[in-house]
Amino acid sequence: MIYEILPIGEENSISKSELMLLLGLTAEELRSQIERERREGKIICSSRKYGGYYRHSGLSDLKSYVLSEHRSAKSTLYTTKAAYTEYKRLLAEKEQKEKGAIPDQEDTPN
């Protein structure tokens, strides 16, 4: 559906809004369809440089897309690390409170 209408080459990428108009989809429907097609094995590339979607034209386009997605995934991992560490700390604290090892703040004298 989407893959078949995408232009070839990053420089020819088509924006999300253009795709929505062409296909009569909402933003959420478009994201879902792109994800579905990607899971089916269709390589739908996205461009941060040109702000749209495209089919790769060969090694250079594909390398650019893969490296961009890798950097994005790596960045997400790093930015969530502190939040995950805090989550684990709070979870351990909660479990200790439930075991009675740590008194609730209401139970501690002023």
Protein backbone atom coordinates (compact mmCIF):
# COMPACT_ATOMS: atom_id res chain seq x y z
CA MET A 1 0.00 0.00 0.00
CA ILE A 2 2.58 2.58 1.11
CA TYR A 3 5.78 0.95 -0.05
CA GLU A 4 4.56 0.72 -3.62
CA ILE A 5 3.88 4.46 -3.94
CA LEU A 6 7.07 5.71 -2.31
CA PRO A 7 9.63 7.44 -4.50
CA ILE A 8 13.10 5.98 -4.84
CA GLY A 9 15.97 7.92 -3.28
CA GLU A 10 16.23 9.96 -0.10
CA GLU A 11 16.28 13.25 -2.00
CA ASN A 12 12.83 12.38 -3.40
CA SER A 13 11.24 11.51 -0.06
CA ILE A 14 7.56 12.26 0.42
CA SER A 15 6.33 13.92 3.61
CA LYS A 16 3.98 12.37 6.13
CA SER A 17 1.33 14.98 5.37
CA GLU A 18 1.53 14.27 1.63
CA LEU A 19 1.16 10.55 2.26
CA MET A 20 -1.81 11.18 4.54
CA LEU A 21 -3.52 13.22 1.83
CA LEU A 22 -2.73 10.72 -0.92
CA LEU A 23 -3.96 7.73 1.06
CA GLY A 24 -6.72 9.34 3.12
CA LEU A 25 -5.16 8.20 6.38
CA THR A 26 -4.77 9.84 9.75
CA ALA A 27 -1.29 10.25 11.23
CA GLU A 28 -1.85 7.25 13.51
CA GLU A 29 -3.18 5.09 10.67
CA LEU A 30 -0.16 6.01 8.55
CA ARG A 31 2.31 5.15 11.35
CA SER A 32 0.54 1.84 11.94
CA GLN A 33 0.55 0.95 8.24
CA ILE A 34 4.24 1.82 7.87
CA GLU A 35 5.05 -0.31 10.92
CA ARG A 36 2.97 -3.19 9.56
CA GLU A 37 4.71 -3.07 6.18
CA ARG A 38 8.14 -2.83 7.80
CA ARG A 39 7.36 -5.93 9.89
CA GLU A 40 6.40 -7.70 6.67
CA GLY A 41 9.93 -7.01 5.44
CA LYS A 42 9.37 -3.97 3.24
CA ILE A 43 12.16 -1.46 3.63
CA ILE A 44 10.47 1.88 4.14
CA CYS A 45 13.17 4.43 4.83
CA SER A 46 12.63 7.74 6.57
CA SER A 47 14.72 10.83 6.12
CA ARG A 48 15.45 13.37 8.82
CA LYS A 49 17.32 15.45 6.26
CA TYR A 50 14.40 15.76 3.82
CA GLY A 51 11.59 14.99 6.24
CA GLY A 52 9.79 12.15 4.53
CA TYR A 53 9.63 8.52 3.47
CA TYR A 54 11.26 6.81 0.51
CA ARG A 55 12.55 3.55 -0.91
CA HIS A 56 16.30 3.28 -0.96
CA SER A 57 18.12 3.62 -4.26
CA GLY A 58 21.02 1.41 -3.29
CA LEU A 59 23.87 0.99 -0.88
CA SER A 60 24.41 4.67 -0.06
CA ASP A 61 20.74 5.42 0.75
CA LEU A 62 20.38 2.25 2.76
CA LYS A 63 23.57 2.90 4.72
CA SER A 64 22.41 6.44 5.52
CA TYR A 65 19.03 5.18 6.75
CA VAL A 66 20.47 2.33 8.83
CA LEU A 67 23.07 4.58 10.49
CA SER A 68 20.44 7.23 11.23
CA GLU A 69 18.10 4.69 12.82
CA HIS A 70 20.98 3.18 14.78
CA ARG A 71 21.97 6.61 16.18
CA SER A 72 18.34 7.28 17.10
CA ALA A 73 17.97 3.95 18.90
CA LYS A 74 21.26 4.49 20.72
CA SER A 75 20.18 7.98 21.79
CA THR A 76 16.88 6.65 23.09
CA LEU A 77 18.71 3.99 25.08
CA TYR A 78 21.02 6.56 26.68
CA THR A 79 18.24 9.03 27.50
CA THR A 80 16.11 6.38 29.19
CA LYS A 81 18.99 4.92 31.21
CA ALA A 82 18.66 7.41 34.09
CA ALA A 83 14.90 6.98 34.20
CA TYR A 84 15.27 3.19 34.26
CA THR A 85 17.83 3.40 37.08
CA GLU A 86 15.44 5.56 39.11
CA TYR A 87 12.56 3.18 38.35
CA LYS A 88 14.59 0.22 39.67
CA ARG A 89 15.53 2.20 42.81
CA LEU A 90 11.92 3.14 43.53
CA LEU A 91 10.73 -0.40 42.86
CA ALA A 92 13.29 -1.84 45.26
CA GLU A 93 12.29 0.76 47.86
CA LYS A 94 8.62 -0.15 47.43
CA GLU A 95 9.39 -3.85 47.81
CA GLN A 96 11.39 -3.15 50.97
CA LYS A 97 8.48 -1.13 52.40
CA GLU A 98 6.08 -3.96 51.64
CA LYS A 99 8.38 -6.35 53.53
CA GLY A 100 8.47 -3.89 56.43
CA ALA A 101 12.19 -3.26 56.12
CA ILE A 102 11.72 0.47 55.48
CA PRO A 103 9.16 2.35 57.58
CA ASP A 104 6.69 4.57 55.77
CA GLN A 105 7.34 8.28 56.23
CA GLU A 106 4.16 8.53 58.31
CA ASP A 107 5.63 5.96 60.72
CA THR A 108 8.88 7.85 61.34
CA PRO A 109 9.07 10.30 64.25
CA ASN A 110 9.55 14.01 63.46
